[in-house]
Amino acid sequence: MNIIAWAILGIVAGAIAKLLYPGQQGGGILSTMILGIVGAFLGGSIVTLLTTGTIALNSLPGIPGVIVAILGAMLAIFLWGLVTHSA
């Protein structure tokens, strides 16, 4: 998947993850987009590592890829909350 597709997927995944994640998260649309993009990269990399044993920026096609990106974005929101002490 190319970098533009990752970014678009990350923006969508970030918005969905922010809706699904419990609690109140600060930040606006820009932080949602950034955390979503980071989460898409994070989720795709973790799945690639677990399935192939290598670290690469790959993604699952279709709906599984979107689900992984949403879960990765939720992980990024959680980690950001730990760093900023807001979670």
PDB file of N, CA and C in Angstrom:
ATOM      1  N   MET A   1       0.852  -1.168   0.000  1.00  0.00           N
ATOM      2  CA  MET A   1       0.000   0.000   0.000  1.00  0.00           C
ATOM      3  C   MET A   1       0.898   1.231   0.000  1.00  0.00           C
ATOM      4  N   ASN A   2       0.580   2.190  -0.831  1.00  0.00           N
ATOM      5  CA  ASN A   2       1.454   3.361  -0.901  1.00  0.00           C
ATOM      6  C   ASN A   2       1.188   4.333   0.244  1.00  0.00           C
ATOM      7  N   ILE A   3       2.044   5.310   0.375  1.00  0.00           N
ATOM      8  CA  ILE A   3       2.023   6.215   1.516  1.00  0.00           C
ATOM      9  C   ILE A   3       0.767   7.082   1.548  1.00  0.00           C
ATOM     10  N   ILE A   4       0.243   7.465   0.396  1.00  0.00           N
ATOM     11  CA  ILE A   4      -0.973   8.277   0.360  1.00  0.00           C
ATOM     12  C   ILE A   4      -2.171   7.474   0.837  1.00  0.00           C
ATOM     13  N   ALA A   5      -2.251   6.219   0.428  1.00  0.00           N
ATOM     14  CA  ALA A   5      -3.339   5.360   0.883  1.00  0.00           C
ATOM     15  C   ALA A   5      -3.245   5.132   2.386  1.00  0.00           C
ATOM     16  N   TRP A   6      -2.023   4.966   2.908  1.00  0.00           N
ATOM     17  CA  TRP A   6      -1.833   4.819   4.354  1.00  0.00           C
ATOM     18  C   TRP A   6      -2.345   6.055   5.074  1.00  0.00           C
ATOM     19  N   ALA A   7      -2.029   7.232   4.552  1.00  0.00           N
ATOM     20  CA  ALA A   7      -2.438   8.477   5.194  1.00  0.00           C
ATOM     21  C   ALA A   7      -3.959   8.613   5.204  1.00  0.00           C
ATOM     22  N   ILE A   8      -4.598   8.317   4.084  1.00  0.00           N
ATOM     23  CA  ILE A   8      -6.052   8.409   4.010  1.00  0.00           C
ATOM     24  C   ILE A   8      -6.695   7.402   4.956  1.00  0.00           C
ATOM     25  N   LEU A   9      -6.193   6.185   4.940  1.00  0.00           N
ATOM     26  CA  LEU A   9      -6.690   5.159   5.857  1.00  0.00           C
ATOM     27  C   LEU A   9      -6.483   5.591   7.306  1.00  0.00           C
ATOM     28  N   GLY A  10      -5.353   6.201   7.584  1.00  0.00           N
ATOM     29  CA  GLY A  10      -5.062   6.659   8.940  1.00  0.00           C
ATOM     30  C   GLY A  10      -5.997   7.751   9.406  1.00  0.00           C
ATOM     31  N   ILE A  11      -6.350   8.662   8.524  1.00  0.00           N
ATOM     32  CA  ILE A  11      -7.276   9.738   8.885  1.00  0.00           C
ATOM     33  C   ILE A  11      -8.641   9.158   9.239  1.00  0.00           C
ATOM     34  N   VAL A  12      -9.122   8.251   8.410  1.00  0.00           N
ATOM     35  CA  VAL A  12     -10.420   7.614   8.667  1.00  0.00           C
ATOM     36  C   VAL A  12     -10.344   6.776   9.941  1.00  0.00           C
ATOM     37  N   ALA A  13      -9.289   6.000  10.081  1.00  0.00           N
ATOM     38  CA  ALA A  13      -9.140   5.145  11.262  1.00  0.00           C
ATOM     39  C   ALA A  13      -9.024   5.984  12.533  1.00  0.00           C
ATOM     40  N   GLY A  14      -8.330   7.100  12.468  1.00  0.00           N
ATOM     41  CA  GLY A  14      -8.193   7.975  13.634  1.00  0.00           C
ATOM     42  C   GLY A  14      -9.529   8.526  14.089  1.00  0.00           C
ATOM     43  N   ALA A  15     -10.361   8.929  13.132  1.00  0.00           N
ATOM     44  CA  ALA A  15     -11.678   9.461  13.478  1.00  0.00           C
ATOM     45  C   ALA A  15     -12.547   8.377  14.104  1.00  0.00           C
ATOM     46  N   ILE A  16     -12.533   7.183  13.530  1.00  0.00           N
ATOM     47  CA  ILE A  16     -13.339   6.083  14.073  1.00  0.00           C
ATOM     48  C   ILE A  16     -12.811   5.660  15.447  1.00  0.00           C
ATOM     49  N   ALA A  17     -11.487   5.583  15.581  1.00  0.00           N
ATOM     50  CA  ALA A  17     -10.899   5.182  16.859  1.00  0.00           C
ATOM     51  C   ALA A  17     -11.226   6.184  17.958  1.00  0.00           C
ATOM     52  N   LYS A  18     -11.219   7.461  17.625  1.00  0.00           N
ATOM     53  CA  LYS A  18     -11.524   8.477  18.622  1.00  0.00           C
ATOM     54  C   LYS A  18     -12.985   8.382  19.062  1.00  0.00           C
ATOM     55  N   LEU A  19     -13.861   7.992  18.133  1.00  0.00           N
ATOM     56  CA  LEU A  19     -15.264   7.790  18.496  1.00  0.00           C
ATOM     57  C   LEU A  19     -15.443   6.570  19.393  1.00  0.00           C
ATOM     58  N   LEU A  20     -14.682   5.509  19.124  1.00  0.00           N
ATOM     59  CA  LEU A  20     -14.830   4.260  19.863  1.00  0.00           C
ATOM     60  C   LEU A  20     -14.080   4.239  21.188  1.00  0.00           C
ATOM     61  N   TYR A  21     -12.995   4.996  21.287  1.00  0.00           N
ATOM     62  CA  TYR A  21     -12.149   4.954  22.473  1.00  0.00           C
ATOM     63  C   TYR A  21     -12.891   5.559  23.655  1.00  0.00           C
ATOM     64  N   PRO A  22     -12.930   4.850  24.795  1.00  0.00           N
ATOM     65  CA  PRO A  22     -13.672   5.373  25.941  1.00  0.00           C
ATOM     66  C   PRO A  22     -12.978   6.585  26.562  1.00  0.00           C
ATOM     67  N   GLY A  23     -13.773   7.435  27.159  1.00  0.00           N
ATOM     68  CA  GLY A  23     -13.226   8.604  27.838  1.00  0.00           C
ATOM     69  C   GLY A  23     -13.160   9.805  26.926  1.00  0.00           C
ATOM     70  N   GLN A  24     -12.703  10.892  27.496  1.00  0.00           N
ATOM     71  CA  GLN A  24     -12.598  12.154  26.770  1.00  0.00           C
ATOM     72  C   GLN A  24     -11.148  12.360  26.347  1.00  0.00           C
ATOM     73  N   GLN A  25     -10.933  12.507  25.052  1.00  0.00           N
ATOM     74  CA  GLN A  25      -9.598  12.795  24.549  1.00  0.00           C
ATOM     75  C   GLN A  25      -9.551  14.261  24.115  1.00  0.00           C
ATOM     76  N   GLY A  26      -8.460  14.882  24.418  1.00  0.00           N
ATOM     77  CA  GLY A  26      -8.281  16.258  23.980  1.00  0.00           C
ATOM     78  C   GLY A  26      -7.830  16.300  22.535  1.00  0.00           C
ATOM     79  N   GLY A  27      -7.630  17.473  22.053  1.00  0.00           N
ATOM     80  CA  GLY A  27      -7.121  17.634  20.695  1.00  0.00           C
ATOM     81  C   GLY A  27      -8.242  17.789  19.691  1.00  0.00           C
ATOM     82  N   GLY A  28      -7.878  18.334  18.576  1.00  0.00           N
ATOM     83  CA  GLY A  28      -8.842  18.565  17.523  1.00  0.00           C
ATOM     84  C   GLY A  28      -8.645  17.625  16.360  1.00  0.00           C
ATOM     85  N   ILE A  29      -9.050  18.087  15.208  1.00  0.00           N
ATOM     86  CA  ILE A  29      -9.010  17.259  14.008  1.00  0.00           C
ATOM     87  C   ILE A  29      -7.570  16.952  13.595  1.00  0.00           C
ATOM     88  N   LEU A  30      -6.659  17.900  13.782  1.00  0.00           N
ATOM     89  CA  LEU A  30      -5.265  17.669  13.394  1.00  0.00           C
ATOM     90  C   LEU A  30      -4.638  16.553  14.226  1.00  0.00           C
ATOM     91  N   SER A  31      -4.875  16.581  15.534  1.00  0.00           N
ATOM     92  CA  SER A  31      -4.309  15.517  16.377  1.00  0.00           C
ATOM     93  C   SER A  31      -4.952  14.175  16.070  1.00  0.00           C
ATOM     94  N   THR A  32      -6.243  14.183  15.738  1.00  0.00           N
ATOM     95  CA  THR A  32      -6.922  12.947  15.356  1.00  0.00           C
ATOM     96  C   THR A  32      -6.305  12.376  14.090  1.00  0.00           C
ATOM     97  N   MET A  33      -6.045  13.232  13.114  1.00  0.00           N
ATOM     98  CA  MET A  33      -5.439  12.765  11.865  1.00  0.00           C
ATOM     99  C   MET A  33      -4.042  12.213  12.103  1.00  0.00           C
ATOM    100  N   ILE A  34      -3.247  12.911  12.890  1.00  0.00           N
ATOM    101  CA  ILE A  34      -1.873  12.465  13.146  1.00  0.00           C
ATOM    102  C   ILE A  34      -1.865  11.142  13.907  1.00  0.00           C
ATOM    103  N   LEU A  35      -2.679  11.041  14.954  1.00  0.00           N
ATOM    104  CA  LEU A  35      -2.734   9.786  15.705  1.00  0.00           C
ATOM    105  C   LEU A  35      -3.289   8.652  14.856  1.00  0.00           C
ATOM    106  N   GLY A  36      -4.218   8.949  13.970  1.00  0.00           N
ATOM    107  CA  GLY A  36      -4.750   7.929  13.073  1.00  0.00           C
ATOM    108  C   GLY A  36      -3.708   7.427  12.094  1.00  0.00           C
ATOM    109  N   ILE A  37      -2.926   8.338  11.537  1.00  0.00           N
ATOM    110  CA  ILE A  37      -1.868   7.940  10.602  1.00  0.00           C
ATOM    111  C   ILE A  37      -0.810   7.128  11.325  1.00  0.00           C
ATOM    112  N   VAL A  38      -0.408   7.591  12.511  1.00  0.00           N
ATOM    113  CA  VAL A  38       0.560   6.837  13.308  1.00  0.00           C
ATOM    114  C   VAL A  38      -0.004   5.466  13.658  1.00  0.00           C
ATOM    115  N   GLY A  39      -1.276   5.423  14.021  1.00  0.00           N
ATOM    116  CA  GLY A  39      -1.915   4.152  14.367  1.00  0.00           C
ATOM    117  C   GLY A  39      -1.995   3.191  13.197  1.00  0.00           C
ATOM    118  N   ALA A  40      -2.267   3.716  12.005  1.00  0.00           N
ATOM    119  CA  ALA A  40      -2.311   2.848  10.824  1.00  0.00           C
ATOM    120  C   ALA A  40      -0.937   2.244  10.559  1.00  0.00           C
ATOM    121  N   PHE A  41       0.099   3.063  10.656  1.00  0.00           N
ATOM    122  CA  PHE A  41       1.455   2.537  10.497  1.00  0.00           C
ATOM    123  C   PHE A  41       1.779   1.532  11.589  1.00  0.00           C
ATOM    124  N   LEU A  42       1.415   1.854  12.821  1.00  0.00           N
ATOM    125  CA  LEU A  42       1.694   0.987  13.964  1.00  0.00           C
ATOM    126  C   LEU A  42       0.958  -0.346  13.833  1.00  0.00           C
ATOM    127  N   GLY A  43      -0.326  -0.294  13.544  1.00  0.00           N
ATOM    128  CA  GLY A  43      -1.113  -1.517  13.407  1.00  0.00           C
ATOM    129  C   GLY A  43      -0.637  -2.390  12.261  1.00  0.00           C
ATOM    130  N   GLY A  44      -0.368  -1.782  11.111  1.00  0.00           N
ATOM    131  CA  GLY A  44       0.131  -2.549   9.968  1.00  0.00           C
ATOM    132  C   GLY A  44       1.476  -3.180  10.236  1.00  0.00           C
ATOM    133  N   SER A  45       2.338  -2.438  10.925  1.00  0.00           N
ATOM    134  CA  SER A  45       3.664  -2.970  11.238  1.00  0.00           C
ATOM    135  C   SER A  45       3.589  -4.124  12.225  1.00  0.00           C
ATOM    136  N   ILE A  46       2.700  -4.017  13.221  1.00  0.00           N
ATOM    137  CA  ILE A  46       2.564  -5.094  14.205  1.00  0.00           C
ATOM    138  C   ILE A  46       2.027  -6.359  13.547  1.00  0.00           C
ATOM    139  N   VAL A  47       1.014  -6.219  12.690  1.00  0.00           N
ATOM    140  CA  VAL A  47       0.466  -7.394  12.004  1.00  0.00           C
ATOM    141  C   VAL A  47       1.514  -8.024  11.101  1.00  0.00           C
ATOM    142  N   THR A  48       2.283  -7.210  10.388  1.00  0.00           N
ATOM    143  CA  THR A  48       3.345  -7.740   9.531  1.00  0.00           C
ATOM    144  C   THR A  48       4.394  -8.461  10.364  1.00  0.00           C
ATOM    145  N   LEU A  49       4.749  -7.890  11.510  1.00  0.00           N
ATOM    146  CA  LEU A  49       5.730  -8.527  12.385  1.00  0.00           C
ATOM    147  C   LEU A  49       5.211  -9.867  12.908  1.00  0.00           C
ATOM    148  N   LEU A  50       3.949  -9.914  13.298  1.00  0.00           N
ATOM    149  CA  LEU A  50       3.389 -11.158  13.829  1.00  0.00           C
ATOM    150  C   LEU A  50       3.214 -12.232  12.760  1.00  0.00           C
ATOM    151  N   THR A  51       2.920 -11.835  11.529  1.00  0.00           N
ATOM    152  CA  THR A  51       2.660 -12.831  10.487  1.00  0.00           C
ATOM    153  C   THR A  51       3.908 -13.253   9.728  1.00  0.00           C
ATOM    154  N   THR A  52       4.861 -12.348   9.553  1.00  0.00           N
ATOM    155  CA  THR A  52       6.043 -12.684   8.754  1.00  0.00           C
ATOM    156  C   THR A  52       7.338 -12.706   9.562  1.00  0.00           C
ATOM    157  N   GLY A  53       7.341 -12.079  10.723  1.00  0.00           N
ATOM    158  CA  GLY A  53       8.557 -12.021  11.522  1.00  0.00           C
ATOM    159  C   GLY A  53       9.487 -10.898  11.116  1.00  0.00           C
ATOM    160  N   THR A  54       9.053 -10.041  10.207  1.00  0.00           N
ATOM    161  CA  THR A  54       9.856  -8.890   9.788  1.00  0.00           C
ATOM    162  C   THR A  54       9.070  -7.613  10.021  1.00  0.00           C
ATOM    163  N   ILE A  55       9.787  -6.522  10.135  1.00  0.00           N
ATOM    164  CA  ILE A  55       9.131  -5.227  10.299  1.00  0.00           C
ATOM    165  C   ILE A  55       9.101  -4.546   8.941  1.00  0.00           C
ATOM    166  N   ALA A  56       7.905  -4.260   8.475  1.00  0.00           N
ATOM    167  CA  ALA A  56       7.727  -3.583   7.195  1.00  0.00           C
ATOM    168  C   ALA A  56       6.406  -2.831   7.232  1.00  0.00           C
ATOM    169  N   LEU A  57       6.268  -1.840   6.384  1.00  0.00           N
ATOM    170  CA  LEU A  57       5.033  -1.067   6.315  1.00  0.00           C
ATOM    171  C   LEU A  57       4.097  -1.704   5.300  1.00  0.00           C
ATOM    172  N   ASN A  58       3.492  -2.800   5.687  1.00  0.00           N
ATOM    173  CA  ASN A  58       2.519  -3.489   4.853  1.00  0.00           C
ATOM    174  C   ASN A  58       1.166  -3.413   5.524  1.00  0.00           C
ATOM    175  N   SER A  59       0.132  -3.702   4.780  1.00  0.00           N
ATOM    176  CA  SER A  59      -1.203  -3.677   5.338  1.00  0.00           C
ATOM    177  C   SER A  59      -2.018  -4.819   4.783  1.00  0.00           C
ATOM    178  N   LEU A  60      -3.027  -5.197   5.522  1.00  0.00           N
ATOM    179  CA  LEU A  60      -3.981  -6.180   5.032  1.00  0.00           C
ATOM    180  C   LEU A  60      -4.942  -5.471   4.087  1.00  0.00           C
ATOM    181  N   PRO A  61      -5.332  -6.114   3.022  1.00  0.00           N
ATOM    182  CA  PRO A  61      -6.265  -5.460   2.100  1.00  0.00           C
ATOM    183  C   PRO A  61      -7.697  -5.478   2.636  1.00  0.00           C
ATOM    184  N   GLY A  62      -8.468  -4.504   2.249  1.00  0.00           N
ATOM    185  CA  GLY A  62      -9.893  -4.484   2.530  1.00  0.00           C
ATOM    186  C   GLY A  62     -10.247  -4.210   3.977  1.00  0.00           C
ATOM    187  N   ILE A  63     -11.337  -4.812   4.408  1.00  0.00           N
ATOM    188  CA  ILE A  63     -11.883  -4.593   5.748  1.00  0.00           C
ATOM    189  C   ILE A  63     -10.906  -4.986   6.858  1.00  0.00           C
ATOM    190  N   PRO A  64     -10.185  -6.117   6.753  1.00  0.00           N
ATOM    191  CA  PRO A  64      -9.210  -6.418   7.820  1.00  0.00           C
ATOM    192  C   PRO A  64      -8.155  -5.317   7.986  1.00  0.00           C
ATOM    193  N   GLY A  65      -7.746  -4.702   6.902  1.00  0.00           N
ATOM    194  CA  GLY A  65      -6.777  -3.609   6.987  1.00  0.00           C
ATOM    195  C   GLY A  65      -7.339  -2.405   7.717  1.00  0.00           C
ATOM    196  N   VAL A  66      -8.602  -2.109   7.487  1.00  0.00           N
ATOM    197  CA  VAL A  66      -9.251  -0.994   8.174  1.00  0.00           C
ATOM    198  C   VAL A  66      -9.367  -1.295   9.667  1.00  0.00           C
ATOM    199  N   ILE A  67      -9.745  -2.525   9.999  1.00  0.00           N
ATOM    200  CA  ILE A  67      -9.861  -2.910  11.402  1.00  0.00           C
ATOM    201  C   ILE A  67      -8.514  -2.814  12.109  1.00  0.00           C
ATOM    202  N   VAL A  68      -7.465  -3.277  11.463  1.00  0.00           N
ATOM    203  CA  VAL A  68      -6.119  -3.191  12.041  1.00  0.00           C
ATOM    204  C   VAL A  68      -5.714  -1.734  12.221  1.00  0.00           C
ATOM    205  N   ALA A  69      -6.045  -0.889  11.256  1.00  0.00           N
ATOM    206  CA  ALA A  69      -5.703   0.531  11.363  1.00  0.00           C
ATOM    207  C   ALA A  69      -6.460   1.187  12.517  1.00  0.00           C
ATOM    208  N   ILE A  70      -7.726   0.837  12.707  1.00  0.00           N
ATOM    209  CA  ILE A  70      -8.506   1.390  13.817  1.00  0.00           C
ATOM    210  C   ILE A  70      -7.927   0.940  15.148  1.00  0.00           C
ATOM    211  N   LEU A  71      -7.596  -0.346  15.256  1.00  0.00           N
ATOM    212  CA  LEU A  71      -6.990  -0.847  16.498  1.00  0.00           C
ATOM    213  C   LEU A  71      -5.630  -0.193  16.751  1.00  0.00           C
ATOM    214  N   GLY A  72      -4.857   0.001  15.696  1.00  0.00           N
ATOM    215  CA  GLY A  72      -3.576   0.690  15.840  1.00  0.00           C
ATOM    216  C   GLY A  72      -3.761   2.133  16.276  1.00  0.00           C
ATOM    217  N   ALA A  73      -4.785   2.798  15.737  1.00  0.00           N
ATOM    218  CA  ALA A  73      -5.058   4.180  16.141  1.00  0.00           C
ATOM    219  C   ALA A  73      -5.507   4.237  17.599  1.00  0.00           C
ATOM    220  N   MET A  74      -6.295   3.256  18.022  1.00  0.00           N
ATOM    221  CA  MET A  74      -6.699   3.213  19.429  1.00  0.00           C
ATOM    222  C   MET A  74      -5.486   2.988  20.339  1.00  0.00           C
ATOM    223  N   LEU A  75      -4.564   2.159  19.885  1.00  0.00           N
ATOM    224  CA  LEU A  75      -3.322   1.957  20.632  1.00  0.00           C
ATOM    225  C   LEU A  75      -2.522   3.253  20.692  1.00  0.00           C
ATOM    226  N   ALA A  76      -2.470   3.977  19.593  1.00  0.00           N
ATOM    227  CA  ALA A  76      -1.750   5.257  19.565  1.00  0.00           C
ATOM    228  C   ALA A  76      -2.408   6.270  20.505  1.00  0.00           C
ATOM    229  N   ILE A  77      -3.740   6.300  20.557  1.00  0.00           N
ATOM    230  CA  ILE A  77      -4.443   7.202  21.479  1.00  0.00           C
ATOM    231  C   ILE A  77      -4.114   6.827  22.926  1.00  0.00           C
ATOM    232  N   PHE A  78      -4.112   5.535  23.219  1.00  0.00           N
ATOM    233  CA  PHE A  78      -3.775   5.069  24.562  1.00  0.00           C
ATOM    234  C   PHE A  78      -2.349   5.477  24.945  1.00  0.00           C
ATOM    235  N   LEU A  79      -1.406   5.217  24.044  1.00  0.00           N
ATOM    236  CA  LEU A  79      -0.009   5.567  24.316  1.00  0.00           C
ATOM    237  C   LEU A  79       0.175   7.075  24.469  1.00  0.00           C
ATOM    238  N   TRP A  80      -0.522   7.851  23.654  1.00  0.00           N
ATOM    239  CA  TRP A  80      -0.424   9.310  23.763  1.00  0.00           C
ATOM    240  C   TRP A  80      -0.984   9.772  25.112  1.00  0.00           C
ATOM    241  N   GLY A  81      -2.065   9.129  25.577  1.00  0.00           N
ATOM    242  CA  GLY A  81      -2.613   9.453  26.890  1.00  0.00           C
ATOM    243  C   GLY A  81      -1.637   9.148  28.000  1.00  0.00           C
ATOM    244  N   LEU A  82      -0.869   8.061  27.857  1.00  0.00           N
ATOM    245  CA  LEU A  82       0.150   7.750  28.872  1.00  0.00           C
ATOM    246  C   LEU A  82       1.266   8.778  28.859  1.00  0.00           C
ATOM    247  N   VAL A  83       1.674   9.196  27.678  1.00  0.00           N
ATOM    248  CA  VAL A  83       2.761  10.170  27.566  1.00  0.00           C
ATOM    249  C   VAL A  83       2.341  11.535  28.127  1.00  0.00           C
ATOM    250  N   THR A  84       1.114  11.938  27.826  1.00  0.00           N
ATOM    251  CA  THR A  84       0.649  13.259  28.263  1.00  0.00           C
ATOM    252  C   THR A  84      -0.084  13.210  29.596  1.00  0.00           C
ATOM    253  N   HIS A  85      -0.201  12.040  30.179  1.00  0.00           N
ATOM    254  CA  HIS A  85      -0.853  11.834  31.483  1.00  0.00           C
ATOM    255  C   HIS A  85      -2.317  12.269  31.458  1.00  0.00           C
ATOM    256  N   SER A  86      -2.988  12.091  30.324  1.00  0.00           N
ATOM    257  CA  SER A  86      -4.390  12.466  30.242  1.00  0.00           C
ATOM    258  C   SER A  86      -5.301  11.249  30.238  1.00  0.00           C
ATOM    259  N   ALA A  87      -4.747  10.048  30.277  1.00  0.00           N
ATOM    260  CA  ALA A  87      -5.604   8.855  30.276  1.00  0.00           C
ATOM    261  C   ALA A  87      -5.689   8.259  31.656  1.00  0.00           C
TER     262      ALA A  87
END
